[in-house]
Amino acid sequence: GLSLSRLIKAEYFADAVLAISKEDYDSWKAKNKKIIYGGVDMIEFPYKKIKQKFVLYAGRIASHKGIDVLVNAMPKNYELIIAGSVLEKDFLAYLKQIAQGKNVKFIENPSDKKLISLYQDASCFVLPATARDYLGRAWKRPGLYALVVPEAMSCGTPVIVSNVGALPYFIEKDLNGF
């Protein structure tokens, strides 16, 4: 959400802006703008029908991703795998604390091959991004575009996302997720 182009207000100098989602599109003040959604190579992320019994969160481990909400919601007898790069070490420590006594596994910095395997094997993928994190901090732009959602879908894994940012635009109710 924050880049050099935002700091120098490049939109005022540009002829056009390419946005990655409706949420991103609405944030630019440029007159000429277009949305180009990210795509997924379906050969790289192949469909797999047979699933294992675990819920998957994949993505950056950061407080606005709402992973704590997911950990708290998980029943003790069902496995949750949290896979991703750690952006906030304090948040990871908090997640490990609230996960005690639950069936939660952390995979830091998974390889691309491992991540694809997790997508393929998960019984569902959950991205519970929030507008307010566990410390009460508000996030203006909690989800511009989450490539992890169509990656999971490409592998045949149903998805559950929160109703923030661009996430609702991925879902066709009762067809590919909730």
N, C-alpha and C. Protein backbone atom coordinates (compact mmCIF):
# COMPACT_ATOMS: atom_id res chain seq x y z
N GLY A 1 0.78 -1.21 0.00
CA GLY A 1 0.00 0.00 0.00
C GLY A 1 0.82 1.27 0.00
N LEU A 2 2.06 1.22 0.49
CA LEU A 2 2.87 2.44 0.50
C LEU A 2 4.09 2.19 -0.39
N SER A 3 4.25 3.07 -1.36
CA SER A 3 5.37 2.93 -2.27
C SER A 3 5.90 4.31 -2.64
N LEU A 4 7.00 4.32 -3.34
CA LEU A 4 7.59 5.58 -3.77
C LEU A 4 6.60 6.37 -4.61
N SER A 5 5.83 5.68 -5.45
CA SER A 5 4.86 6.39 -6.30
C SER A 5 3.82 7.11 -5.47
N ARG A 6 3.48 6.55 -4.30
CA ARG A 6 2.51 7.20 -3.41
C ARG A 6 3.15 8.41 -2.72
N LEU A 7 4.41 8.27 -2.33
CA LEU A 7 5.08 9.35 -1.62
C LEU A 7 5.30 10.59 -2.49
N ILE A 8 5.65 10.37 -3.76
CA ILE A 8 5.90 11.51 -4.64
C ILE A 8 4.65 11.91 -5.43
N LYS A 9 3.53 11.24 -5.15
CA LYS A 9 2.26 11.52 -5.83
C LYS A 9 2.42 11.45 -7.35
N ALA A 10 2.98 10.33 -7.80
CA ALA A 10 3.26 10.11 -9.22
C ALA A 10 2.01 10.19 -10.08
N GLU A 11 0.85 9.95 -9.51
CA GLU A 11 -0.39 9.97 -10.29
C GLU A 11 -0.63 11.33 -10.94
N TYR A 12 -0.09 12.39 -10.36
CA TYR A 12 -0.28 13.72 -10.94
C TYR A 12 0.61 13.95 -12.16
N PHE A 13 1.65 13.13 -12.33
CA PHE A 13 2.56 13.25 -13.45
C PHE A 13 2.30 12.20 -14.52
N ALA A 14 1.55 11.17 -14.18
CA ALA A 14 1.33 10.04 -15.09
C ALA A 14 0.19 10.31 -16.05
N ASP A 15 0.30 9.74 -17.23
CA ASP A 15 -0.80 9.80 -18.19
C ASP A 15 -1.93 8.86 -17.78
N ALA A 16 -1.55 7.77 -17.11
CA ALA A 16 -2.55 6.79 -16.70
C ALA A 16 -2.01 5.97 -15.53
N VAL A 17 -2.91 5.33 -14.82
CA VAL A 17 -2.54 4.45 -13.70
C VAL A 17 -3.19 3.10 -13.90
N LEU A 18 -2.42 2.05 -13.73
CA LEU A 18 -2.96 0.69 -13.75
C LEU A 18 -3.13 0.25 -12.31
N ALA A 19 -4.35 -0.08 -11.92
CA ALA A 19 -4.65 -0.52 -10.56
C ALA A 19 -4.79 -2.04 -10.55
N ILE A 20 -4.58 -2.64 -9.37
CA ILE A 20 -4.65 -4.10 -9.26
C ILE A 20 -5.98 -4.60 -8.73
N SER A 21 -6.86 -3.68 -8.31
CA SER A 21 -8.19 -4.07 -7.82
C SER A 21 -9.07 -2.82 -7.77
N LYS A 22 -10.36 -3.02 -7.55
CA LYS A 22 -11.26 -1.87 -7.42
C LYS A 22 -10.85 -1.01 -6.23
N GLU A 23 -10.44 -1.65 -5.15
CA GLU A 23 -9.98 -0.93 -3.96
C GLU A 23 -8.79 -0.03 -4.31
N ASP A 24 -7.85 -0.56 -5.06
CA ASP A 24 -6.68 0.20 -5.48
C ASP A 24 -7.10 1.31 -6.46
N TYR A 25 -7.97 0.97 -7.39
CA TYR A 25 -8.49 1.93 -8.37
C TYR A 25 -9.10 3.15 -7.69
N ASP A 26 -9.93 2.90 -6.67
CA ASP A 26 -10.61 3.99 -5.97
C ASP A 26 -9.65 4.89 -5.19
N SER A 27 -8.47 4.37 -4.88
CA SER A 27 -7.52 5.15 -4.07
C SER A 27 -6.69 6.14 -4.90
N TRP A 28 -6.65 5.97 -6.22
CA TRP A 28 -5.87 6.85 -7.07
C TRP A 28 -6.71 8.04 -7.52
N LYS A 29 -6.11 9.21 -7.57
CA LYS A 29 -6.82 10.41 -8.00
C LYS A 29 -6.63 10.70 -9.49
N ALA A 30 -5.88 9.88 -10.18
CA ALA A 30 -5.63 10.08 -11.60
C ALA A 30 -6.93 10.03 -12.39
N LYS A 31 -6.99 10.80 -13.47
CA LYS A 31 -8.20 10.83 -14.31
C LYS A 31 -8.31 9.60 -15.18
N ASN A 32 -7.19 9.14 -15.68
CA ASN A 32 -7.19 7.99 -16.57
C ASN A 32 -6.63 6.79 -15.81
N LYS A 33 -7.49 5.86 -15.48
CA LYS A 33 -7.06 4.69 -14.73
C LYS A 33 -7.84 3.46 -15.17
N LYS A 34 -7.22 2.32 -15.02
CA LYS A 34 -7.80 1.06 -15.44
C LYS A 34 -7.39 -0.02 -14.45
N ILE A 35 -8.22 -1.06 -14.33
CA ILE A 35 -7.91 -2.18 -13.45
C ILE A 35 -7.42 -3.35 -14.29
N ILE A 36 -6.30 -3.92 -13.88
CA ILE A 36 -5.82 -5.18 -14.46
C ILE A 36 -5.58 -6.12 -13.29
N TYR A 37 -6.46 -7.10 -13.15
CA TYR A 37 -6.35 -8.05 -12.04
C TYR A 37 -5.19 -9.02 -12.29
N GLY A 38 -4.56 -9.44 -11.22
CA GLY A 38 -3.49 -10.42 -11.32
C GLY A 38 -4.05 -11.77 -11.71
N GLY A 39 -3.28 -12.50 -12.46
CA GLY A 39 -3.72 -13.82 -12.90
C GLY A 39 -2.88 -14.91 -12.28
N VAL A 40 -3.33 -16.13 -12.46
CA VAL A 40 -2.63 -17.29 -11.93
C VAL A 40 -2.37 -18.26 -13.08
N ASP A 41 -1.17 -18.76 -13.16
CA ASP A 41 -0.82 -19.77 -14.15
C ASP A 41 -1.38 -21.10 -13.65
N MET A 42 -2.44 -21.58 -14.31
CA MET A 42 -3.11 -22.79 -13.84
C MET A 42 -2.29 -24.06 -14.06
N ILE A 43 -1.26 -23.97 -14.85
CA ILE A 43 -0.33 -25.11 -14.98
C ILE A 43 0.60 -25.13 -13.77
N GLU A 44 1.01 -23.95 -13.32
CA GLU A 44 1.88 -23.83 -12.15
C GLU A 44 1.14 -24.16 -10.85
N PHE A 45 -0.18 -23.85 -10.81
CA PHE A 45 -1.02 -24.10 -9.64
C PHE A 45 -2.15 -25.05 -10.05
N PRO A 46 -1.81 -26.36 -10.25
CA PRO A 46 -2.79 -27.29 -10.80
C PRO A 46 -3.86 -27.73 -9.80
N TYR A 47 -5.03 -28.01 -10.36
CA TYR A 47 -6.18 -28.50 -9.60
C TYR A 47 -5.88 -29.87 -9.00
N LYS A 48 -6.35 -30.07 -7.77
CA LYS A 48 -6.25 -31.38 -7.13
C LYS A 48 -7.55 -31.61 -6.38
N LYS A 49 -8.20 -32.74 -6.66
CA LYS A 49 -9.52 -33.02 -6.09
C LYS A 49 -9.45 -33.55 -4.66
N ILE A 50 -8.56 -34.48 -4.39
CA ILE A 50 -8.48 -35.12 -3.08
C ILE A 50 -7.78 -34.17 -2.09
N LYS A 51 -8.45 -33.91 -0.98
CA LYS A 51 -7.94 -32.96 0.01
C LYS A 51 -7.63 -33.66 1.33
N GLN A 52 -6.80 -33.02 2.14
CA GLN A 52 -6.52 -33.50 3.49
C GLN A 52 -7.30 -32.64 4.48
N LYS A 53 -7.31 -33.06 5.74
CA LYS A 53 -8.11 -32.35 6.75
C LYS A 53 -7.27 -31.30 7.46
N PHE A 54 -7.10 -30.15 6.80
CA PHE A 54 -6.51 -29.01 7.48
C PHE A 54 -6.95 -27.72 6.79
N VAL A 55 -6.98 -26.66 7.56
CA VAL A 55 -7.27 -25.32 7.08
C VAL A 55 -5.93 -24.64 6.83
N LEU A 56 -5.87 -23.85 5.76
CA LEU A 56 -4.62 -23.18 5.40
C LEU A 56 -4.79 -21.67 5.40
N TYR A 57 -3.84 -20.99 6.02
CA TYR A 57 -3.62 -19.57 5.80
C TYR A 57 -2.25 -19.47 5.16
N ALA A 58 -2.14 -18.78 4.04
CA ALA A 58 -0.85 -18.54 3.40
C ALA A 58 -0.77 -17.06 3.07
N GLY A 59 0.36 -16.47 3.35
CA GLY A 59 0.57 -15.06 3.07
C GLY A 59 1.51 -14.47 4.09
N ARG A 60 1.67 -13.18 4.02
CA ARG A 60 2.55 -12.52 4.97
C ARG A 60 1.98 -12.65 6.39
N ILE A 61 2.85 -12.86 7.34
CA ILE A 61 2.43 -12.96 8.74
C ILE A 61 2.55 -11.55 9.32
N ALA A 62 1.40 -10.85 9.25
CA ALA A 62 1.31 -9.46 9.68
C ALA A 62 -0.03 -9.26 10.38
N SER A 63 -0.07 -8.35 11.33
CA SER A 63 -1.24 -8.20 12.20
C SER A 63 -2.53 -7.86 11.47
N HIS A 64 -2.46 -7.12 10.37
CA HIS A 64 -3.70 -6.76 9.67
C HIS A 64 -4.27 -7.91 8.84
N LYS A 65 -3.57 -9.03 8.79
CA LYS A 65 -4.07 -10.19 8.06
C LYS A 65 -5.11 -10.98 8.85
N GLY A 66 -5.28 -10.65 10.14
CA GLY A 66 -6.34 -11.27 10.93
C GLY A 66 -6.11 -12.72 11.30
N ILE A 67 -4.87 -13.16 11.23
CA ILE A 67 -4.57 -14.57 11.52
C ILE A 67 -4.96 -14.93 12.94
N ASP A 68 -4.85 -13.97 13.85
CA ASP A 68 -5.25 -14.22 15.24
C ASP A 68 -6.73 -14.57 15.35
N VAL A 69 -7.56 -13.94 14.52
CA VAL A 69 -8.99 -14.24 14.50
C VAL A 69 -9.19 -15.70 14.08
N LEU A 70 -8.45 -16.13 13.08
CA LEU A 70 -8.54 -17.51 12.61
C LEU A 70 -8.07 -18.49 13.67
N VAL A 71 -6.94 -18.21 14.31
CA VAL A 71 -6.43 -19.10 15.36
C VAL A 71 -7.46 -19.23 16.48
N ASN A 72 -8.03 -18.12 16.91
CA ASN A 72 -9.03 -18.16 17.98
C ASN A 72 -10.29 -18.92 17.57
N ALA A 73 -10.63 -18.90 16.29
CA ALA A 73 -11.84 -19.56 15.81
C ALA A 73 -11.67 -21.06 15.60
N MET A 74 -10.45 -21.53 15.51
CA MET A 74 -10.20 -22.94 15.18
C MET A 74 -10.54 -23.86 16.34
N PRO A 75 -11.26 -24.96 16.06
CA PRO A 75 -11.46 -25.96 17.10
C PRO A 75 -10.14 -26.68 17.39
N LYS A 76 -10.00 -27.18 18.58
CA LYS A 76 -8.73 -27.82 18.99
C LYS A 76 -8.40 -29.07 18.18
N ASN A 77 -9.42 -29.74 17.67
CA ASN A 77 -9.18 -31.03 17.02
C ASN A 77 -8.96 -30.92 15.51
N TYR A 78 -8.95 -29.73 14.93
CA TYR A 78 -8.76 -29.58 13.49
C TYR A 78 -7.47 -28.81 13.24
N GLU A 79 -6.65 -29.28 12.31
CA GLU A 79 -5.35 -28.67 12.06
C GLU A 79 -5.45 -27.37 11.26
N LEU A 80 -4.68 -26.40 11.68
CA LEU A 80 -4.50 -25.14 10.95
C LEU A 80 -3.03 -25.01 10.61
N ILE A 81 -2.74 -24.75 9.34
CA ILE A 81 -1.37 -24.48 8.92
C ILE A 81 -1.27 -23.02 8.52
N ILE A 82 -0.32 -22.33 9.12
CA ILE A 82 -0.04 -20.93 8.82
C ILE A 82 1.31 -20.89 8.12
N ALA A 83 1.30 -20.49 6.84
CA ALA A 83 2.53 -20.51 6.04
C ALA A 83 2.78 -19.13 5.45
N GLY A 84 4.00 -18.63 5.65
CA GLY A 84 4.33 -17.34 5.05
C GLY A 84 5.57 -16.72 5.61
N SER A 85 5.89 -15.57 5.06
CA SER A 85 7.04 -14.82 5.55
C SER A 85 6.60 -13.94 6.71
N VAL A 86 7.47 -13.84 7.70
CA VAL A 86 7.15 -13.10 8.92
C VAL A 86 7.52 -11.63 8.72
N LEU A 87 6.51 -10.75 8.79
CA LEU A 87 6.77 -9.31 8.72
C LEU A 87 6.84 -8.70 10.11
N GLU A 88 6.11 -9.32 11.05
CA GLU A 88 6.06 -8.79 12.42
C GLU A 88 6.37 -9.92 13.41
N LYS A 89 7.60 -9.91 13.93
CA LYS A 89 8.02 -10.97 14.85
C LYS A 89 7.20 -10.98 16.13
N ASP A 90 6.81 -9.80 16.63
CA ASP A 90 5.98 -9.73 17.83
C ASP A 90 4.62 -10.38 17.60
N PHE A 91 4.09 -10.18 16.40
CA PHE A 91 2.79 -10.77 16.07
C PHE A 91 2.91 -12.29 15.98
N LEU A 92 4.00 -12.78 15.40
CA LEU A 92 4.21 -14.23 15.33
C LEU A 92 4.28 -14.81 16.74
N ALA A 93 4.99 -14.15 17.63
CA ALA A 93 5.07 -14.62 19.03
C ALA A 93 3.68 -14.65 19.66
N TYR A 94 2.87 -13.62 19.39
CA TYR A 94 1.50 -13.58 19.91
C TYR A 94 0.68 -14.74 19.34
N LEU A 95 0.82 -15.00 18.04
CA LEU A 95 0.10 -16.11 17.43
C LEU A 95 0.47 -17.44 18.07
N LYS A 96 1.75 -17.65 18.30
CA LYS A 96 2.20 -18.90 18.92
C LYS A 96 1.66 -19.02 20.34
N GLN A 97 1.54 -17.92 21.04
CA GLN A 97 0.99 -17.93 22.40
C GLN A 97 -0.48 -18.33 22.38
N ILE A 98 -1.29 -17.71 21.51
CA ILE A 98 -2.73 -18.03 21.50
C ILE A 98 -3.02 -19.38 20.85
N ALA A 99 -2.03 -19.94 20.13
CA ALA A 99 -2.20 -21.24 19.49
C ALA A 99 -1.90 -22.40 20.43
N GLN A 100 -1.36 -22.12 21.59
CA GLN A 100 -1.04 -23.19 22.54
C GLN A 100 -2.29 -23.99 22.87
N GLY A 101 -2.16 -25.30 22.83
CA GLY A 101 -3.28 -26.19 23.10
C GLY A 101 -4.14 -26.46 21.88
N LYS A 102 -3.81 -25.83 20.76
CA LYS A 102 -4.54 -26.07 19.51
C LYS A 102 -3.61 -26.75 18.52
N ASN A 103 -4.19 -27.29 17.47
CA ASN A 103 -3.43 -28.01 16.45
C ASN A 103 -3.01 -27.02 15.35
N VAL A 104 -2.04 -26.16 15.66
CA VAL A 104 -1.58 -25.13 14.74
C VAL A 104 -0.11 -25.37 14.41
N LYS A 105 0.18 -25.36 13.11
CA LYS A 105 1.54 -25.57 12.63
C LYS A 105 1.98 -24.32 11.87
N PHE A 106 3.18 -23.84 12.13
CA PHE A 106 3.73 -22.67 11.47
C PHE A 106 4.82 -23.10 10.49
N ILE A 107 4.73 -22.63 9.26
CA ILE A 107 5.77 -22.89 8.26
C ILE A 107 6.25 -21.53 7.76
N GLU A 108 7.44 -21.14 8.23
CA GLU A 108 7.99 -19.84 7.85
C GLU A 108 8.72 -19.95 6.52
N ASN A 109 8.48 -19.00 5.65
CA ASN A 109 9.13 -18.90 4.34
C ASN A 109 9.08 -20.20 3.54
N PRO A 110 7.88 -20.72 3.29
CA PRO A 110 7.80 -21.96 2.51
C PRO A 110 8.29 -21.73 1.08
N SER A 111 8.86 -22.77 0.49
CA SER A 111 9.26 -22.69 -0.91
C SER A 111 8.00 -22.62 -1.77
N ASP A 112 8.16 -22.21 -3.01
CA ASP A 112 7.02 -22.17 -3.92
C ASP A 112 6.41 -23.56 -4.08
N LYS A 113 7.25 -24.57 -4.19
CA LYS A 113 6.78 -25.95 -4.35
C LYS A 113 5.96 -26.38 -3.13
N LYS A 114 6.45 -26.05 -1.94
CA LYS A 114 5.73 -26.40 -0.70
C LYS A 114 4.40 -25.67 -0.63
N LEU A 115 4.39 -24.41 -1.00
CA LEU A 115 3.17 -23.61 -0.95
C LEU A 115 2.11 -24.19 -1.89
N ILE A 116 2.50 -24.56 -3.09
CA ILE A 116 1.56 -25.15 -4.05
C ILE A 116 1.00 -26.45 -3.49
N SER A 117 1.85 -27.26 -2.89
CA SER A 117 1.40 -28.51 -2.27
C SER A 117 0.39 -28.24 -1.15
N LEU A 118 0.64 -27.22 -0.34
CA LEU A 118 -0.30 -26.86 0.72
C LEU A 118 -1.64 -26.41 0.14
N TYR A 119 -1.60 -25.57 -0.88
CA TYR A 119 -2.84 -25.14 -1.55
C TYR A 119 -3.63 -26.35 -2.04
N GLN A 120 -2.93 -27.29 -2.68
CA GLN A 120 -3.58 -28.45 -3.26
C GLN A 120 -4.20 -29.37 -2.20
N ASP A 121 -3.55 -29.48 -1.06
CA ASP A 121 -3.97 -30.45 -0.05
C ASP A 121 -4.97 -29.91 0.97
N ALA A 122 -5.05 -28.60 1.13
CA ALA A 122 -5.91 -28.01 2.17
C ALA A 122 -7.39 -28.27 1.88
N SER A 123 -8.15 -28.52 2.93
CA SER A 123 -9.60 -28.68 2.75
C SER A 123 -10.26 -27.33 2.53
N CYS A 124 -9.64 -26.25 3.02
CA CYS A 124 -10.09 -24.89 2.69
C CYS A 124 -8.96 -23.91 2.99
N PHE A 125 -9.05 -22.77 2.34
CA PHE A 125 -8.09 -21.69 2.51
C PHE A 125 -8.83 -20.52 3.12
N VAL A 126 -8.25 -19.90 4.15
CA VAL A 126 -8.91 -18.78 4.82
C VAL A 126 -7.97 -17.57 4.83
N LEU A 127 -8.53 -16.42 4.42
CA LEU A 127 -7.81 -15.15 4.51
C LEU A 127 -8.70 -14.18 5.29
N PRO A 128 -8.45 -14.07 6.61
CA PRO A 128 -9.32 -13.28 7.48
C PRO A 128 -8.83 -11.85 7.72
N ALA A 129 -8.38 -11.18 6.67
CA ALA A 129 -7.84 -9.82 6.81
C ALA A 129 -8.82 -8.91 7.56
N THR A 130 -8.27 -7.97 8.31
CA THR A 130 -9.10 -7.09 9.14
C THR A 130 -8.76 -5.63 8.90
N ALA A 131 -9.71 -4.77 9.19
CA ALA A 131 -9.47 -3.33 9.10
C ALA A 131 -8.88 -2.81 10.42
N ARG A 132 -8.96 -3.63 11.48
CA ARG A 132 -8.42 -3.26 12.79
C ARG A 132 -7.71 -4.49 13.35
N ASP A 133 -6.43 -4.36 13.71
CA ASP A 133 -5.66 -5.52 14.15
C ASP A 133 -5.82 -5.80 15.65
N TYR A 134 -5.10 -6.80 16.12
CA TYR A 134 -5.23 -7.27 17.50
C TYR A 134 -4.81 -6.22 18.54
N LEU A 135 -4.07 -5.21 18.12
CA LEU A 135 -3.67 -4.12 19.02
C LEU A 135 -4.61 -2.92 18.92
N GLY A 136 -5.64 -3.05 18.09
CA GLY A 136 -6.60 -1.97 17.92
C GLY A 136 -6.22 -0.95 16.87
N ARG A 137 -5.13 -1.19 16.15
CA ARG A 137 -4.68 -0.26 15.11
C ARG A 137 -5.57 -0.40 13.87
N ALA A 138 -5.97 0.74 13.32
CA ALA A 138 -6.80 0.74 12.11
C ALA A 138 -5.91 0.67 10.88
N TRP A 139 -6.35 -0.09 9.88
CA TRP A 139 -5.64 -0.23 8.62
C TRP A 139 -6.56 0.30 7.51
N LYS A 140 -6.16 1.37 6.85
CA LYS A 140 -6.99 1.97 5.80
C LYS A 140 -7.15 1.05 4.60
N ARG A 141 -6.08 0.36 4.25
CA ARG A 141 -6.09 -0.46 3.05
C ARG A 141 -5.66 -1.89 3.39
N PRO A 142 -6.54 -2.68 4.03
CA PRO A 142 -6.14 -3.99 4.50
C PRO A 142 -5.95 -5.04 3.41
N GLY A 143 -6.45 -4.78 2.22
CA GLY A 143 -6.28 -5.77 1.17
C GLY A 143 -6.52 -5.18 -0.21
N LEU A 144 -5.44 -4.77 -0.88
CA LEU A 144 -5.59 -4.24 -2.24
C LEU A 144 -5.85 -5.35 -3.24
N TYR A 145 -5.14 -6.44 -3.09
CA TYR A 145 -5.30 -7.61 -3.95
C TYR A 145 -4.57 -8.74 -3.27
N ALA A 146 -5.17 -9.87 -3.19
CA ALA A 146 -4.55 -11.01 -2.51
C ALA A 146 -4.39 -12.15 -3.51
N LEU A 147 -3.23 -12.24 -4.12
CA LEU A 147 -2.96 -13.27 -5.13
C LEU A 147 -3.12 -14.68 -4.55
N VAL A 148 -2.94 -14.82 -3.24
CA VAL A 148 -3.07 -16.14 -2.61
C VAL A 148 -4.47 -16.72 -2.80
N VAL A 149 -5.48 -15.87 -2.93
CA VAL A 149 -6.86 -16.37 -3.09
C VAL A 149 -7.04 -17.08 -4.43
N PRO A 150 -6.74 -16.45 -5.58
CA PRO A 150 -6.88 -17.20 -6.84
C PRO A 150 -5.88 -18.34 -6.97
N GLU A 151 -4.74 -18.27 -6.30
CA GLU A 151 -3.81 -19.40 -6.32
C GLU A 151 -4.46 -20.62 -5.65
N ALA A 152 -5.09 -20.42 -4.49
CA ALA A 152 -5.78 -21.52 -3.81
C ALA A 152 -6.94 -22.03 -4.67
N MET A 153 -7.69 -21.12 -5.26
CA MET A 153 -8.82 -21.51 -6.12
C MET A 153 -8.35 -22.35 -7.30
N SER A 154 -7.23 -21.95 -7.90
CA SER A 154 -6.70 -22.68 -9.05
C SER A 154 -6.39 -24.13 -8.68
N CYS A 155 -6.00 -24.35 -7.43
CA CYS A 155 -5.68 -25.69 -6.95
C CYS A 155 -6.94 -26.46 -6.53
N GLY A 156 -8.12 -25.85 -6.70
CA GLY A 156 -9.37 -26.51 -6.37
C GLY A 156 -9.75 -26.42 -4.91
N THR A 157 -9.14 -25.50 -4.19
CA THR A 157 -9.40 -25.36 -2.76
C THR A 157 -10.42 -24.25 -2.52
N PRO A 158 -11.51 -24.58 -1.82
CA PRO A 158 -12.49 -23.53 -1.50
C PRO A 158 -11.88 -22.48 -0.60
N VAL A 159 -12.37 -21.25 -0.71
CA VAL A 159 -11.81 -20.16 0.08
C VAL A 159 -12.86 -19.49 0.94
N ILE A 160 -12.39 -18.96 2.06
CA ILE A 160 -13.20 -18.13 2.95
C ILE A 160 -12.39 -16.86 3.16
N VAL A 161 -12.99 -15.71 2.84
CA VAL A 161 -12.29 -14.44 3.01
C VAL A 161 -13.16 -13.49 3.81
N SER A 162 -12.52 -12.51 4.41
CA SER A 162 -13.28 -11.48 5.13
C SER A 162 -13.78 -10.43 4.15
N ASN A 163 -14.70 -9.63 4.60
CA ASN A 163 -15.35 -8.64 3.76
C ASN A 163 -14.64 -7.29 3.85
N VAL A 164 -13.34 -7.28 3.52
CA VAL A 164 -12.56 -6.04 3.52
C VAL A 164 -11.77 -5.94 2.22
N GLY A 165 -11.44 -4.72 1.87
CA GLY A 165 -10.58 -4.48 0.71
C GLY A 165 -11.13 -5.12 -0.55
N ALA A 166 -10.25 -5.73 -1.32
CA ALA A 166 -10.62 -6.35 -2.58
C ALA A 166 -11.12 -7.77 -2.40
N LEU A 167 -11.04 -8.32 -1.20
CA LEU A 167 -11.35 -9.74 -1.00
C LEU A 167 -12.76 -10.14 -1.44
N PRO A 168 -13.80 -9.36 -1.17
CA PRO A 168 -15.14 -9.80 -1.59
C PRO A 168 -15.28 -9.97 -3.11
N TYR A 169 -14.46 -9.29 -3.90
CA TYR A 169 -14.56 -9.38 -5.34
C TYR A 169 -14.10 -10.72 -5.89
N PHE A 170 -13.41 -11.50 -5.10
CA PHE A 170 -12.97 -12.82 -5.53
C PHE A 170 -14.09 -13.86 -5.46
N ILE A 171 -15.09 -13.59 -4.66
CA ILE A 171 -16.08 -14.61 -4.31
C ILE A 171 -17.36 -14.48 -5.13
N GLU A 172 -17.77 -15.60 -5.69
CA GLU A 172 -19.10 -15.73 -6.27
C GLU A 172 -19.84 -16.65 -5.32
N LYS A 173 -20.78 -16.08 -4.57
CA LYS A 173 -21.46 -16.78 -3.47
C LYS A 173 -21.94 -18.17 -3.89
N ASP A 174 -21.67 -19.12 -3.05
CA ASP A 174 -22.06 -20.52 -3.22
C ASP A 174 -21.42 -21.20 -4.43
N LEU A 175 -20.45 -20.54 -5.07
CA LEU A 175 -19.78 -21.14 -6.22
C LEU A 175 -18.33 -21.48 -5.88
N ASN A 176 -17.59 -20.51 -5.35
CA ASN A 176 -16.17 -20.74 -5.12
C ASN A 176 -15.69 -20.37 -3.73
N GLY A 177 -16.62 -19.96 -2.85
CA GLY A 177 -16.18 -19.63 -1.49
C GLY A 177 -17.18 -18.78 -0.77
N PHE A 178 -16.76 -18.32 0.38
CA PHE A 178 -17.61 -17.51 1.25
C PHE A 178 -16.82 -16.32 1.75
